[in-house]
Amino acid sequence: MSASLIAIYLDHRRSLFGCAMKIVRDLQVAEDLLQESYLRACKAVERGPIDNVGAFLHRTVHNLALDHLRRCRTQERFEAGPTDTVEALGIASETPSAEERLLHRERLSCFMDALDRLPARARQVWLLNRVEGLSYPQIATHLGVSQGTVFNDMKLAMGHFVDTMARRDRPEPTGSRSGGTP
């Protein structure tokens, strides 16, 4: 059977190689899988006759290729570590990092300072709209002012917040001089 196994292997070699390449997409790995499939066929023949050697070789190459991919993916996940695996899977972390919490607190503090620096009516208009959920007409009625005044106060508040946060987020100038010579 050894000579006929070699002949069958050689007859199917091209299609076996194509099967392996479709799965692993690596010439060297595909060649290795073909050799391994031939060795496994030799061992199987020693245990008893194989009804369809060509089908046996194709199934063996296919299974070996899939096993190779599984091993590679498992190794990649192991090497990536738990954080990278979570990111790779597209799962957002429920808990913000310490740095994220600190940045959030700083931004909130800056925003609250900006809110405190607004004129009293503009601050009240913003709070009624954004916190209490009142519409401009409802705010106008509540405060006894026109809707145009509510709109202008809201515009003032939003512009103030945008400017304040932009200044906060702007990087410090690196080339500033402190009275030295040019």
Foldseek 3Di string as FASTA:
>chain_A
DVVVLVVLLVVCVVVQLVLLCVQQVDNVVSVVLSVVLSVVLVVVVVVHDDPDSNVSSNVSSNVVSVVVVVVVVVVVDVVCDDVSVCVVVVHDDPDDDPVVVVVVVVLVVLLVVLLVPQPPLLSVLCCCCVVVVDDLVVSCVVVVHDSVVSVVSPVVSVVSSVVSVCVVPDDDDPPDDDPDDD
